[in-house]
Amino acid sequence: MDLRTEKDIKHMILEDKWMMEVLQTAQTLKLSDWWVCAGFVRSKIWDHLHGFKQRTDLADIDVVYYNKDEISVAVEKNHEAALLKISPQLPWSVKNQARMHELNSSPPYLSSFDAIAHFPETATALAVKIDMNGELILASPWGIQDVIDMEVKPTPFIIENNDKKGIYQQRIEKKKWQETWPKLIVFGLDQNVIFNGNK
């Protein structure tokens, strides 16, 4: 299956029984403005584009939500515990984006979508959920072209904030995504290619 549009990505996720079970489990929490984001979506796309028959393991399954009225790490841990009770084998991580700006020394985020737009890489700034009508919704603040082109690039948020550029650099060095997905093209902060898997 070719991946060219958001519709293609949603179809691929809908066909993935495991991913749909994860989304349905997250949905049981009934969190406000919730999404499953980042590597959950990105890794699936890159696995597919690499032709992997086996899913790449995820360090975390990132569930985000937005609730300004109940900002507490303890509440997040309770949500994680509820998910673990349903699927104890999965590495759940639940974070309220109404407080996460503090960790990044940023102005308050306006929503989960706004928080996702502040992720370091465009290919990571992706999220998916099931809406109240049972429809699969994909959020991609910076579009899907970079992830489909297998290009790792900093988001405009990183590029426009000098004090945030180190976050992107550190992640590139730490994550070493090209070792897992060798067809990637990794860009530095200066927009120059630092790894090209197509050579």
Protein backbone atom coordinates (compact mmCIF):
# COMPACT_ATOMS: atom_id res chain seq x y z
CA MET A 1 0.00 0.00 0.00
CA ASP A 2 1.30 3.43 -0.99
CA LEU A 3 1.35 6.16 1.65
CA ARG A 4 0.71 9.53 0.07
CA THR A 5 -2.17 11.12 1.95
CA GLU A 6 -3.63 11.36 5.44
CA LYS A 7 -6.36 9.04 4.21
CA ASP A 8 -3.72 6.43 3.34
CA ILE A 9 -2.22 6.69 6.82
CA LYS A 10 -5.61 6.38 8.50
CA HIS A 11 -6.45 3.36 6.37
CA MET A 12 -3.17 1.71 7.36
CA ILE A 13 -3.93 2.29 11.06
CA LEU A 14 -7.50 1.04 10.69
CA GLU A 15 -6.11 -2.17 9.19
CA ASP A 16 -3.75 -2.62 12.16
CA LYS A 17 -5.67 -4.53 14.82
CA TRP A 18 -3.07 -3.86 17.52
CA MET A 19 -3.06 -0.09 16.94
CA MET A 20 -6.85 0.04 17.00
CA GLU A 21 -6.91 -1.89 20.28
CA VAL A 22 -4.45 0.64 21.75
CA LEU A 23 -6.66 3.52 20.64
CA GLN A 24 -9.80 1.87 21.95
CA THR A 25 -8.10 1.27 25.30
CA ALA A 26 -6.98 4.91 25.53
CA GLN A 27 -10.49 6.01 24.63
CA THR A 28 -11.89 4.28 27.73
CA LEU A 29 -10.35 6.99 29.93
CA LYS A 30 -12.70 9.56 28.38
CA LEU A 31 -10.02 12.26 28.66
CA SER A 32 -10.59 15.72 27.25
CA ASP A 33 -8.75 16.49 24.00
CA TRP A 34 -6.95 13.14 24.05
CA TRP A 35 -4.63 11.66 21.44
CA VAL A 36 -2.07 8.86 21.07
CA CYS A 37 0.91 10.52 19.51
CA ALA A 38 4.54 10.64 18.44
CA GLY A 39 6.30 7.31 17.90
CA PHE A 40 3.04 5.38 17.93
CA VAL A 41 2.19 6.95 14.57
CA ARG A 42 5.64 7.77 13.20
CA SER A 43 7.14 4.33 13.79
CA LYS A 44 4.21 2.60 12.10
CA ILE A 45 4.72 4.74 9.00
CA TRP A 46 8.48 4.16 8.87
CA ASP A 47 8.08 0.42 9.53
CA HIS A 48 5.64 0.24 6.62
CA LEU A 49 7.88 2.25 4.28
CA HIS A 50 10.84 0.00 5.18
CA GLY A 51 8.82 -3.13 4.49
CA PHE A 52 9.30 -4.45 8.02
CA LYS A 53 7.19 -7.50 8.76
CA GLN A 54 7.62 -7.06 12.52
CA ARG A 55 6.62 -3.96 14.46
CA THR A 56 9.45 -1.89 15.91
CA ASP A 57 9.19 -1.86 19.71
CA LEU A 58 8.03 1.41 21.27
CA ALA A 59 9.70 2.79 24.38
CA ASP A 60 6.39 4.45 25.27
CA ILE A 61 2.82 4.65 24.09
CA ASP A 62 2.26 8.37 24.51
CA VAL A 63 -1.28 9.34 25.47
CA VAL A 64 -1.76 13.09 25.73
CA TYR A 65 -4.76 15.11 26.84
CA TYR A 66 -5.57 18.68 27.86
CA ASN A 67 -7.24 19.65 31.12
CA LYS A 68 -6.39 23.00 32.74
CA ASP A 69 -8.60 22.28 35.76
CA GLU A 70 -6.72 19.23 37.03
CA ILE A 71 -2.98 19.66 36.66
CA SER A 72 -1.38 16.91 38.71
CA VAL A 73 1.23 14.26 38.02
CA ALA A 74 -0.64 11.98 40.43
CA VAL A 75 -3.76 12.20 38.24
CA GLU A 76 -1.68 11.26 35.19
CA LYS A 77 -0.28 8.26 37.08
CA ASN A 78 -3.83 7.19 37.96
CA HIS A 79 -4.71 7.27 34.27
CA GLU A 80 -1.63 5.18 33.48
CA ALA A 81 -2.63 2.68 36.14
CA ALA A 82 -6.11 2.40 34.62
CA LEU A 83 -4.60 1.67 31.21
CA LEU A 84 -2.16 -0.83 32.69
CA LYS A 85 -5.06 -2.65 34.30
CA ILE A 86 -6.54 -3.20 30.83
CA SER A 87 -3.28 -3.79 28.94
CA PRO A 88 -0.47 -4.43 31.44
CA GLN A 89 2.00 -5.47 28.76
CA LEU A 90 2.08 -2.03 27.14
CA PRO A 91 4.42 0.88 28.11
CA TRP A 92 1.76 3.51 28.73
CA SER A 93 2.71 7.14 29.32
CA VAL A 94 -0.03 9.69 30.02
CA LYS A 95 0.68 13.44 30.09
CA ASN A 96 -1.62 16.43 30.54
CA GLN A 97 -0.44 18.99 28.00
CA ALA A 98 -1.90 21.79 30.10
CA ARG A 99 1.21 21.50 32.28
CA MET A 100 3.89 20.23 29.91
CA HIS A 101 4.91 23.71 28.75
CA GLU A 102 6.52 24.19 32.15
CA LEU A 103 9.00 21.40 31.48
CA ASN A 104 9.92 23.04 28.18
CA SER A 105 10.00 26.61 29.56
CA SER A 106 7.43 27.64 26.97
CA PRO A 107 4.25 29.73 27.11
CA PRO A 108 1.17 27.65 28.04
CA TYR A 109 -0.13 25.42 25.28
CA LEU A 110 -3.64 26.15 24.08
CA SER A 111 -4.62 22.53 23.37
CA SER A 112 -3.16 19.10 22.79
CA PHE A 113 -2.83 19.97 19.09
CA ASP A 114 -0.84 23.08 20.01
CA ALA A 115 1.40 20.98 22.27
CA ILE A 116 1.99 18.45 19.49
CA ALA A 117 2.99 21.32 17.20
CA HIS A 118 5.76 22.09 19.71
CA PHE A 119 7.33 18.63 19.43
CA PRO A 120 10.96 18.76 18.22
CA GLU A 121 10.62 16.94 14.86
CA THR A 122 7.97 17.34 12.17
CA ALA A 123 7.86 13.56 11.71
CA THR A 124 7.11 13.11 15.42
CA ALA A 125 4.42 15.82 15.53
CA LEU A 126 1.67 13.35 14.67
CA ALA A 127 -1.25 12.02 16.67
CA VAL A 128 -4.33 9.89 16.19
CA LYS A 129 -7.55 9.20 18.08
CA ILE A 130 -11.07 7.86 17.73
CA ASP A 131 -13.68 10.62 17.92
CA MET A 132 -17.13 10.44 19.49
CA ASN A 133 -18.58 9.20 16.21
CA GLY A 134 -16.11 6.32 16.07
CA GLU A 135 -14.12 7.96 13.27
CA LEU A 136 -10.33 7.82 13.19
CA ILE A 137 -8.83 11.33 13.31
CA LEU A 138 -5.22 12.19 12.42
CA ALA A 139 -3.52 15.35 13.68
CA SER A 140 -0.47 16.59 11.78
CA PRO A 141 0.34 20.23 12.67
CA TRP A 142 3.24 20.36 10.20
CA GLY A 143 1.78 18.02 7.60
CA ILE A 144 2.71 14.46 6.68
CA GLN A 145 5.17 15.00 3.85
CA ASP A 146 8.31 14.79 5.97
CA VAL A 147 7.32 11.54 7.68
CA ILE A 148 6.29 10.00 4.34
CA ASP A 149 9.54 11.16 2.74
CA MET A 150 11.33 9.60 5.74
CA GLU A 151 12.95 12.93 6.54
CA VAL A 152 13.84 13.95 10.09
CA LYS A 153 13.65 17.73 10.37
CA PRO A 154 13.19 20.23 13.22
CA THR A 155 9.77 21.81 13.58
CA PRO A 156 9.41 25.58 13.05
CA PHE A 157 9.11 25.89 16.84
CA ILE A 158 12.66 24.57 17.22
CA ILE A 159 14.06 26.59 14.32
CA GLU A 160 12.55 29.84 15.58
CA ASN A 161 13.77 29.45 19.19
CA ASN A 162 17.51 29.42 19.69
CA ASP A 163 17.15 28.19 23.27
CA LYS A 164 15.28 25.09 22.05
CA LYS A 165 17.68 24.00 19.32
CA GLY A 166 19.70 21.84 21.69
CA ILE A 167 16.62 19.69 22.31
CA TYR A 168 16.51 18.65 18.65
CA GLN A 169 20.27 18.05 18.50
CA GLN A 170 20.23 15.91 21.63
CA ARG A 171 17.35 13.79 20.34
CA ILE A 172 19.06 13.19 17.00
CA GLU A 173 22.18 11.97 18.81
CA LYS A 174 20.31 9.94 21.43
CA LYS A 175 17.56 8.32 19.36
CA LYS A 176 19.76 7.21 16.44
CA TRP A 177 16.62 6.53 14.40
CA GLN A 178 18.69 5.79 11.28
CA GLU A 179 20.03 2.62 12.93
CA THR A 180 16.47 1.26 13.13
CA TRP A 181 15.22 2.76 9.86
CA PRO A 182 18.25 2.96 7.53
CA LYS A 183 16.38 4.67 4.68
CA LEU A 184 15.91 7.87 6.70
CA ILE A 185 17.35 11.22 5.75
CA VAL A 186 18.32 13.19 8.85
CA PHE A 187 18.72 16.95 8.71
CA GLY A 188 20.68 19.15 11.08
CA LEU A 189 19.51 22.47 12.46
CA ASP A 190 21.22 24.25 9.56
CA GLN A 191 19.01 22.27 7.13
CA ASN A 192 22.03 20.34 5.86
CA VAL A 193 21.79 16.56 5.58
CA ILE A 194 23.77 14.73 8.29
CA PHE A 195 22.63 11.24 7.31
CA ASN A 196 21.26 10.07 3.99
CA GLY A 197 20.01 6.52 3.82
CA ASN A 198 19.31 6.86 0.11
CA LYS A 199 22.99 7.01 -0.82
